[in-house]
Amino acid sequence: MTDQPIKKAWDLVEEAKASIDNLTPAELAAEQSSDDVVVVDIRDFRELYGKGKIPGAVHAPRGMLEFWIDPESEYYRDVFSPDRRYLLYCAAGGRSALAAKTMKDMGYPNIGHLEEGFGGWEAAGMETESVQEKSKWVPKS
C-alpha cells in the first residue's frame, strides 16, 4: 500500500496540455487543409456513429492508439508517420490531450489537439460529417 495520493485525471490533462498545441476550432479548421496534417478522432465508435465527425478525420480509437502508431506493432496503421502533423480530438478535450501527449512521448513531435473537443467544434458551428451511412458497424440499441 502507498501513502501517495491518487493523481486526478484532470490534473494529468492539464500537465499534458502544457507540452502540446491546444487549438481552437478555427485554428484546427485553418490547419486541416494542409497535406501534412492528419486530423484524428479518438472517440469511441458509438460516439462517432451518434454524433458524426470532423470531415476528413481518421478514426483511431483511444484504446488502440499506441499500437496503431508504433511501426513495430502488428496493429500499426500506415496513416501514422512521425514526419506529419497530427491534430487529435475527443468529445471535450481530455482524452485527446492525454493521447496527444502519449504520441509526443512515443516520438511524434508535431502534435496538437482540439482543446474544446468535438462539442466545441459543434458549438462553433463548424461542419460535421455523418458516419452512419458508410459504417459497417451498427451499435445495438
Protein backbone atom coordinates (compact mmCIF):
# COMPACT_ATOMS: atom_id res chain seq x y z
CA MET A 1 0.00 0.00 0.00
CA THR A 2 1.18 3.52 -0.76
CA ASP A 3 0.71 6.76 1.13
CA GLN A 4 0.87 8.73 -2.08
CA PRO A 5 -2.45 10.32 -3.07
CA ILE A 6 -4.10 9.32 -6.31
CA LYS A 7 -3.43 11.85 -9.04
CA LYS A 8 -6.59 13.34 -10.51
CA ALA A 9 -7.33 12.67 -14.19
CA TRP A 10 -7.87 16.36 -14.97
CA ASP A 11 -4.51 17.19 -13.39
CA LEU A 12 -2.93 14.79 -15.89
CA VAL A 13 -4.86 16.51 -18.68
CA GLU A 14 -3.53 19.91 -17.62
CA GLU A 15 0.02 18.52 -17.48
CA ALA A 16 -0.40 17.08 -20.99
CA LYS A 17 -1.72 20.39 -22.34
CA ALA A 18 1.46 22.12 -21.19
CA SER A 19 3.53 20.13 -23.70
CA ILE A 20 1.24 20.08 -26.77
CA ASP A 21 -0.50 22.58 -29.02
CA ASN A 22 -4.02 23.40 -27.82
CA LEU A 23 -6.15 24.52 -30.76
CA THR A 24 -9.48 26.27 -31.07
CA PRO A 25 -11.98 25.02 -33.66
CA ALA A 26 -10.98 27.88 -36.00
CA GLU A 27 -7.27 27.05 -35.65
CA LEU A 28 -7.86 23.36 -36.37
CA ALA A 29 -10.00 24.24 -39.40
CA ALA A 30 -7.26 26.52 -40.73
CA GLU A 31 -4.64 23.78 -40.41
CA GLN A 32 -6.64 20.84 -41.68
CA SER A 33 -6.34 21.78 -45.36
CA SER A 34 -2.56 21.18 -45.31
CA ASP A 35 -1.34 17.93 -46.89
CA ASP A 36 0.94 17.32 -43.90
CA VAL A 37 -1.91 17.43 -41.35
CA VAL A 38 -3.92 14.42 -40.22
CA VAL A 39 -6.96 15.05 -38.03
CA VAL A 40 -7.56 12.07 -35.74
CA ASP A 41 -10.82 11.29 -33.94
CA ILE A 42 -10.03 9.16 -30.88
CA ARG A 43 -13.59 8.83 -29.60
CA ASP A 44 -15.35 5.52 -29.18
CA PHE A 45 -17.13 4.27 -32.30
CA ARG A 46 -20.53 4.80 -30.65
CA GLU A 47 -19.71 8.50 -30.25
CA LEU A 48 -18.82 8.81 -33.94
CA TYR A 49 -21.90 6.92 -35.01
CA GLY A 50 -24.21 9.02 -32.87
CA LYS A 51 -22.73 12.48 -33.46
CA GLY A 52 -20.66 12.33 -36.64
CA LYS A 53 -17.10 13.56 -37.03
CA ILE A 54 -14.98 16.38 -38.37
CA PRO A 55 -14.92 15.98 -42.16
CA GLY A 56 -11.82 14.14 -43.33
CA ALA A 57 -10.81 12.95 -39.86
CA VAL A 58 -9.46 9.43 -39.49
CA HIS A 59 -10.70 7.30 -36.62
CA ALA A 60 -8.18 5.78 -34.22
CA PRO A 61 -9.91 4.63 -31.04
CA ARG A 62 -8.12 5.75 -27.89
CA GLY A 63 -7.75 2.19 -26.69
CA MET A 64 -5.67 1.23 -29.76
CA LEU A 65 -3.77 4.44 -30.49
CA GLU A 66 -0.39 3.40 -29.07
CA PHE A 67 -0.47 0.17 -31.07
CA TRP A 68 -1.61 1.85 -34.29
CA ILE A 69 1.20 4.45 -34.19
CA ASP A 70 4.02 2.03 -33.31
CA PRO A 71 5.65 0.81 -36.57
CA GLU A 72 6.83 -2.34 -34.77
CA SER A 73 3.32 -3.29 -33.66
CA GLU A 74 1.28 -5.86 -35.56
CA TYR A 75 -1.57 -3.30 -35.39
CA TYR A 76 0.39 -0.43 -36.99
CA ARG A 77 -1.56 1.75 -39.43
CA ASP A 78 0.40 3.47 -42.18
CA VAL A 79 -1.56 6.72 -41.85
CA PHE A 80 0.79 7.37 -38.93
CA SER A 81 4.29 8.67 -39.61
CA PRO A 82 6.37 10.91 -37.32
CA ASP A 83 7.06 13.38 -40.14
CA ARG A 84 3.43 14.57 -40.32
CA ARG A 85 1.39 16.83 -38.05
CA TYR A 86 -1.40 15.17 -36.05
CA LEU A 87 -4.35 17.02 -34.56
CA LEU A 88 -6.41 14.87 -32.22
CA TYR A 89 -9.85 15.36 -30.77
CA CYS A 90 -12.32 13.63 -28.49
CA ALA A 91 -15.66 14.78 -27.09
CA ALA A 92 -14.45 17.52 -24.71
CA GLY A 93 -10.65 17.69 -24.93
CA GLY A 94 -9.50 15.50 -22.04
CA ARG A 95 -8.80 12.20 -23.77
CA SER A 96 -7.29 13.94 -26.79
CA ALA A 97 -4.84 15.91 -24.62
CA LEU A 98 -3.67 12.69 -22.95
CA ALA A 99 -3.48 10.87 -26.30
CA ALA A 100 -1.55 13.73 -27.94
CA LYS A 101 0.95 13.73 -25.07
CA THR A 102 1.35 9.97 -25.47
CA MET A 103 2.02 10.36 -29.20
CA LYS A 104 4.61 13.01 -28.43
CA ASP A 105 6.24 10.74 -25.83
CA MET A 106 6.37 7.96 -28.44
CA GLY A 107 8.31 10.12 -30.92
CA TYR A 108 5.69 12.07 -32.87
CA PRO A 109 6.95 15.64 -32.44
CA ASN A 110 4.29 17.69 -34.24
CA ILE A 111 1.16 17.10 -32.17
CA GLY A 112 -1.84 19.16 -31.17
CA HIS A 113 -5.40 18.65 -30.06
CA LEU A 114 -8.75 20.36 -30.25
CA GLU A 115 -8.94 21.84 -26.77
CA GLU A 116 -12.74 22.11 -26.70
CA GLY A 117 -13.23 18.73 -28.36
CA PHE A 118 -15.97 17.79 -30.79
CA GLY A 119 -18.51 19.55 -28.55
CA GLY A 120 -16.62 22.81 -29.02
CA TRP A 121 -16.40 22.15 -32.77
CA GLU A 122 -20.18 21.76 -32.95
CA ALA A 123 -20.81 24.79 -30.70
CA ALA A 124 -18.66 26.90 -33.04
CA GLY A 125 -20.97 25.95 -35.92
CA MET A 126 -18.28 24.02 -37.78
CA GLU A 127 -19.19 21.42 -40.40
CA THR A 128 -19.63 17.80 -39.33
CA GLU A 129 -19.88 14.60 -41.33
CA SER A 130 -22.15 11.62 -40.64
CA VAL A 131 -20.54 8.19 -40.48
CA GLN A 132 -23.74 6.18 -40.28
CA GLU A 133 -24.27 5.52 -44.00
CA LYS A 134 -20.69 4.38 -44.65
CA SER A 135 -20.33 2.36 -41.45
CA LYS A 136 -20.09 -1.41 -41.49
CA TRP A 137 -20.84 -1.40 -37.76
CA VAL A 138 -24.15 -0.53 -36.16
CA PRO A 139 -24.41 -0.13 -32.39
CA LYS A 140 -27.02 -2.18 -30.59
CA SER A 141 -29.97 -0.21 -29.27
